[in-house]
Amino acid sequence: MEAGTFEAYRAHLTEAWPAYQAERSTRARLAILAGYGAHLPQVLTSWCPVCGTPWIERVDTHSLNGFLWRDPCDGAPQDAALGLDGPRSSGCAHRRCVVYFLSLEGRTPDDLFPDKVIRTGPEVPSVMREVMASGEAMAVLHRLPIARFDTGEPGYAVYVLAYYTASVGGWASGVARGLHHGSVEYGDVDHDLEAWARQGRLRWLRRVGAGVALAGWGDEPFPYGGLTGERAASRVITARGAVVEREPLVSKGVRWVSRWW
């Protein structure tokens, strides 16, 4: 089976998952993760509105059973969360952070391993007001389908929301501290995505022939209006479904978005 295909991924993960749980050696665990990373697809996740560079990187769209689906990734790209941030096909210095909104699409994820636990945020994407208040910040939204482990057919989705600035330096320290401690990401947020699109500060990707282009207000009807789903800031997902956590994120020490580079 060719590496990168769903069939090769499923065969590998069926063996790698229990091996990783039983392994106690850090070196051996890292080797398992490296093998897993080799089976991940490289997909287009975003497009820089500043320089026009596409972001192509490894995201686990094969299933929710993968090692990358365990937490919100602290504002870093998903592959960087497990140290898989090797050379990417593309990228630029304008992207400041990325937030993932994992949607179960109304389904029970009964294709998950019995001991698989995913800690994540809301299903419905939103824009962080404090970040966008900086004036120069822009956001780009893209939806990626995620397959079920048992069928290989699309069953879930992840909304990838990336924030960009024309400058490549850090933002105000106050904003960075708020993000680091989880007080901004899913607290002071705006779900009126269409309003940000009208202002030209939220854009998205659209199909153009056989390719993809960065779209904005006026290019096509806004595709992300009226999204439904769970908006709770913290969820725990298992094969039985999703459970909303009511305790404040800060008390749990969860750093939802923290890496700025």
Protein backbone atom coordinates (compact mmCIF):
# COMPACT_ATOMS: atom_id res chain seq x y z
CA MET A 1 0.00 0.00 0.00
CA GLU A 2 1.28 3.45 -0.91
CA ALA A 3 2.18 5.70 2.03
CA GLY A 4 -0.23 8.61 2.32
CA THR A 5 -3.27 6.65 1.20
CA PHE A 6 -6.14 6.02 3.57
CA GLU A 7 -5.66 2.24 3.40
CA ALA A 8 -1.97 2.49 4.36
CA TYR A 9 -2.79 4.97 7.10
CA ARG A 10 -5.49 2.75 8.62
CA ALA A 11 -3.28 -0.35 8.55
CA HIS A 12 -0.42 1.57 10.16
CA LEU A 13 -2.50 3.26 12.84
CA THR A 14 -4.24 0.02 13.81
CA GLU A 15 -0.82 -1.26 14.91
CA ALA A 16 0.78 2.01 15.96
CA TRP A 17 -1.95 3.17 18.35
CA PRO A 18 -1.80 0.22 20.82
CA ALA A 19 1.98 0.10 20.49
CA TYR A 20 2.26 3.74 21.50
CA GLN A 21 -0.05 3.29 24.50
CA ALA A 22 2.02 0.35 25.76
CA GLU A 23 5.41 1.92 25.08
CA ARG A 24 7.26 3.70 27.91
CA SER A 25 10.44 4.67 26.09
CA THR A 26 10.42 8.27 24.87
CA ARG A 27 12.69 7.41 21.98
CA ALA A 28 10.44 4.55 20.88
CA ARG A 29 7.36 6.74 21.15
CA LEU A 30 8.98 9.41 18.98
CA ALA A 31 9.78 6.75 16.39
CA ILE A 32 6.12 5.69 16.37
CA LEU A 33 5.03 9.29 15.87
CA ALA A 34 7.51 9.72 13.02
CA GLY A 35 6.06 6.67 11.30
CA TYR A 36 2.59 8.06 11.77
CA GLY A 37 3.65 11.41 10.29
CA ALA A 38 4.84 9.67 7.14
CA HIS A 39 1.26 8.47 6.53
CA LEU A 40 -0.35 11.90 6.78
CA PRO A 41 -1.62 13.69 3.68
CA GLN A 42 -0.30 17.12 2.75
CA VAL A 43 -3.25 19.40 2.21
CA LEU A 44 -3.94 23.04 1.44
CA THR A 45 -5.04 24.62 4.73
CA SER A 46 -4.88 28.36 4.07
CA TRP A 47 -3.68 31.14 1.79
CA CYS A 48 -1.80 34.23 2.88
CA PRO A 49 -3.80 37.40 2.09
CA VAL A 50 -0.60 39.47 2.34
CA CYS A 51 1.81 37.77 -0.07
CA GLY A 52 -0.44 35.21 -1.76
CA THR A 53 1.49 32.16 -0.53
CA PRO A 54 -0.52 28.95 -0.09
CA TRP A 55 -0.09 26.99 3.12
CA ILE A 56 0.31 23.30 2.41
CA GLU A 57 1.01 21.13 5.43
CA ARG A 58 0.30 17.83 7.10
CA VAL A 59 -3.14 17.59 8.71
CA ASP A 60 -4.79 14.34 9.70
CA THR A 61 -7.86 14.30 7.46
CA HIS A 62 -7.84 10.48 7.29
CA SER A 63 -9.59 10.02 10.64
CA LEU A 64 -10.02 11.34 14.18
CA ASN A 65 -8.09 8.38 15.58
CA GLY A 66 -4.71 9.86 14.68
CA PHE A 67 -2.24 11.18 17.24
CA LEU A 68 -2.69 14.76 16.04
CA TRP A 69 -6.32 14.78 17.18
CA ARG A 70 -5.79 15.16 20.90
CA ASP A 71 -5.81 18.87 21.73
CA PRO A 72 -6.23 22.28 20.04
CA CYS A 73 -2.48 22.54 19.25
CA ASP A 74 -1.75 25.77 21.13
CA GLY A 75 -1.99 28.04 18.10
CA ALA A 76 0.70 26.19 16.19
CA PRO A 77 0.12 24.19 13.00
CA GLN A 78 -1.28 20.75 13.75
CA ASP A 79 1.84 18.86 12.66
CA ALA A 80 4.07 21.04 14.86
CA ALA A 81 2.10 19.94 17.93
CA LEU A 82 3.79 16.53 17.81
CA GLY A 83 7.16 17.70 16.57
CA LEU A 84 6.32 16.79 12.98
CA ASP A 85 7.12 20.28 11.72
CA GLY A 86 9.65 19.31 9.10
CA PRO A 87 9.94 21.09 5.75
CA ARG A 88 6.53 22.13 4.45
CA SER A 89 5.51 22.31 0.85
CA SER A 90 4.67 25.97 1.30
CA GLY A 91 4.21 28.72 3.86
CA CYS A 92 5.26 32.26 4.75
CA ALA A 93 6.18 34.49 7.69
CA HIS A 94 2.89 36.40 7.83
CA ARG A 95 0.79 33.75 9.57
CA ARG A 96 0.62 34.43 13.29
CA CYS A 97 -1.46 31.54 14.64
CA VAL A 98 -4.01 28.97 13.58
CA VAL A 99 -7.10 27.72 15.41
CA TYR A 100 -8.95 24.48 14.65
CA PHE A 101 -12.71 24.03 15.08
CA LEU A 102 -13.53 20.34 15.00
CA SER A 103 -17.09 19.53 13.92
CA LEU A 104 -18.71 16.12 14.35
CA GLU A 105 -21.31 17.13 11.76
CA GLY A 106 -24.09 15.86 14.02
CA ARG A 107 -22.64 12.34 14.14
CA THR A 108 -21.53 10.10 17.00
CA PRO A 109 -17.84 9.24 16.43
CA ASP A 110 -18.29 5.53 17.15
CA ASP A 111 -15.39 4.77 14.80
CA LEU A 112 -12.93 6.03 17.45
CA PHE A 113 -10.67 3.63 19.33
CA PRO A 114 -12.19 2.70 22.72
CA ASP A 115 -9.41 4.54 24.56
CA LYS A 116 -9.25 7.54 22.23
CA VAL A 117 -9.89 10.92 23.89
CA ILE A 118 -9.90 14.26 22.09
CA ARG A 119 -9.90 17.51 24.06
CA THR A 120 -10.96 20.36 21.83
CA GLY A 121 -12.89 23.60 21.59
CA PRO A 122 -16.17 24.51 19.85
CA GLU A 123 -17.46 23.20 16.54
CA VAL A 124 -18.54 26.57 15.15
CA PRO A 125 -15.73 28.92 14.06
CA SER A 126 -15.55 32.43 15.50
CA VAL A 127 -13.25 35.44 15.26
CA MET A 128 -11.23 36.64 18.26
CA ARG A 129 -12.19 40.28 18.84
CA GLU A 130 -9.08 41.20 20.78
CA VAL A 131 -6.79 39.89 18.07
CA MET A 132 -8.70 41.62 15.28
CA ALA A 133 -8.74 44.84 17.28
CA SER A 134 -5.08 45.30 16.36
CA GLY A 135 -6.29 46.66 13.02
CA GLU A 136 -3.78 44.96 10.76
CA ALA A 137 -4.92 41.42 11.51
CA MET A 138 -6.70 39.44 8.82
CA ALA A 139 -8.20 35.95 8.98
CA VAL A 140 -8.63 33.20 6.41
CA LEU A 141 -11.12 30.35 6.92
CA HIS A 142 -11.10 26.96 5.23
CA ARG A 143 -13.11 23.76 5.76
CA LEU A 144 -11.51 20.33 5.42
CA PRO A 145 -13.51 17.07 5.46
CA ILE A 146 -12.29 14.30 7.78
CA ALA A 147 -12.94 10.65 6.98
CA ARG A 148 -14.33 8.00 9.29
CA PHE A 149 -11.83 5.33 10.30
CA ASP A 150 -14.18 2.47 9.46
CA THR A 151 -15.27 3.54 5.98
CA GLY A 152 -12.80 6.08 4.66
CA GLU A 153 -15.74 8.26 3.67
CA PRO A 154 -16.16 11.86 4.90
CA GLY A 155 -17.89 11.97 8.25
CA TYR A 156 -16.57 15.01 10.11
CA ALA A 157 -14.94 18.34 9.33
CA VAL A 158 -12.39 20.79 10.67
CA TYR A 159 -12.57 24.53 10.12
CA VAL A 160 -9.06 25.98 9.92
CA LEU A 161 -8.95 29.65 10.87
CA ALA A 162 -5.57 31.30 10.35
CA TYR A 163 -4.62 34.82 11.40
CA TYR A 164 -2.17 36.94 9.41
CA THR A 165 -0.45 40.30 9.73
CA ALA A 166 1.55 42.24 7.15
CA SER A 167 4.30 42.76 9.72
CA VAL A 168 6.18 39.66 10.84
CA GLY A 169 7.00 40.79 14.39
CA GLY A 170 5.05 39.92 17.52
CA TRP A 171 1.85 41.66 18.50
CA ALA A 172 1.16 43.58 21.68
CA SER A 173 2.31 41.62 24.72
CA GLY A 174 -1.08 42.02 26.38
CA VAL A 175 -2.81 40.21 23.55
CA ALA A 176 -0.17 37.47 23.55
CA ARG A 177 -0.57 36.94 27.30
CA GLY A 178 -4.34 36.70 26.98
CA LEU A 179 -4.02 34.09 24.27
CA HIS A 180 -1.41 32.14 26.21
CA HIS A 181 -3.72 31.69 29.17
CA GLY A 182 -6.83 30.86 27.21
CA SER A 183 -8.82 34.00 28.06
CA VAL A 184 -9.42 35.18 24.50
CA GLU A 185 -9.80 32.29 22.05
CA TYR A 186 -13.29 31.15 22.91
CA GLY A 187 -14.29 33.88 25.35
CA ASP A 188 -14.34 37.28 23.68
CA VAL A 189 -15.29 36.02 20.24
CA ASP A 190 -17.63 37.04 17.44
CA HIS A 191 -19.66 34.43 15.56
CA ASP A 192 -20.88 36.96 12.99
CA LEU A 193 -18.39 35.84 10.36
CA GLU A 194 -20.30 37.56 7.60
CA ALA A 195 -19.72 40.96 9.21
CA TRP A 196 -15.95 40.41 9.13
CA ALA A 197 -16.17 39.20 5.55
CA ARG A 198 -18.05 42.37 4.56
CA GLN A 199 -15.20 44.43 6.05
CA GLY A 200 -12.69 42.51 3.95
CA ARG A 201 -10.91 41.15 7.00
CA LEU A 202 -12.14 37.58 6.75
CA ARG A 203 -11.50 35.68 3.56
CA TRP A 204 -11.77 32.05 2.51
CA LEU A 205 -10.71 29.56 -0.16
CA ARG A 206 -12.86 28.65 -3.14
CA ARG A 207 -12.60 26.34 -6.11
CA VAL A 208 -11.72 27.93 -9.43
CA GLY A 209 -11.71 25.35 -12.18
CA ALA A 210 -9.24 22.66 -11.16
CA GLY A 211 -7.51 24.97 -8.71
CA VAL A 212 -8.12 27.00 -5.57
CA ALA A 213 -8.07 30.75 -5.04
CA LEU A 214 -8.41 33.16 -2.14
CA ALA A 215 -11.92 34.60 -2.10
CA GLY A 216 -13.47 37.59 -0.41
CA TRP A 217 -16.73 39.50 -0.15
CA GLY A 218 -18.25 40.00 -3.60
CA ASP A 219 -16.44 37.07 -5.22
CA GLU A 220 -19.23 34.61 -4.40
CA PRO A 221 -22.02 34.18 -1.84
CA PHE A 222 -20.51 33.92 1.64
CA PRO A 223 -20.25 30.14 2.30
CA TYR A 224 -19.97 30.19 6.09
CA GLY A 225 -23.08 32.03 7.21
CA GLY A 226 -25.46 30.38 9.65
CA LEU A 227 -23.21 27.51 10.71
CA THR A 228 -24.75 25.33 13.41
CA GLY A 229 -23.12 23.18 16.06
CA GLU A 230 -21.72 23.25 19.58
CA ARG A 231 -20.26 26.58 20.68
CA ALA A 232 -19.02 25.53 24.10
CA ALA A 233 -15.40 26.47 24.73
CA SER A 234 -14.30 23.02 25.87
CA ARG A 235 -15.38 19.54 24.79
CA VAL A 236 -14.14 16.02 25.43
CA ILE A 237 -14.82 13.63 22.54
CA THR A 238 -14.81 9.82 22.79
CA ALA A 239 -16.48 7.03 20.84
CA ARG A 240 -19.63 7.67 22.89
CA GLY A 241 -19.87 11.27 21.69
CA ALA A 242 -18.93 14.74 22.92
CA VAL A 243 -19.27 16.01 26.49
CA VAL A 244 -19.18 19.74 27.21
CA GLU A 245 -16.86 20.80 30.02
CA ARG A 246 -18.29 23.61 32.09
CA GLU A 247 -15.19 24.44 34.14
CA PRO A 248 -13.17 27.49 33.03
CA LEU A 249 -10.33 26.64 30.68
CA VAL A 250 -7.83 28.66 32.66
CA SER A 251 -8.40 26.54 35.77
CA LYS A 252 -7.45 23.46 33.78
CA GLY A 253 -4.24 25.02 32.56
CA VAL A 254 -5.22 24.58 28.93
CA ARG A 255 -3.22 26.82 26.58
CA TRP A 256 -5.51 27.02 23.58
CA VAL A 257 -3.45 29.44 21.52
CA SER A 258 0.03 30.35 22.59
CA ARG A 259 2.71 29.96 19.91
CA TRP A 260 3.59 33.10 17.99
CA TRP A 261 6.41 33.00 15.50
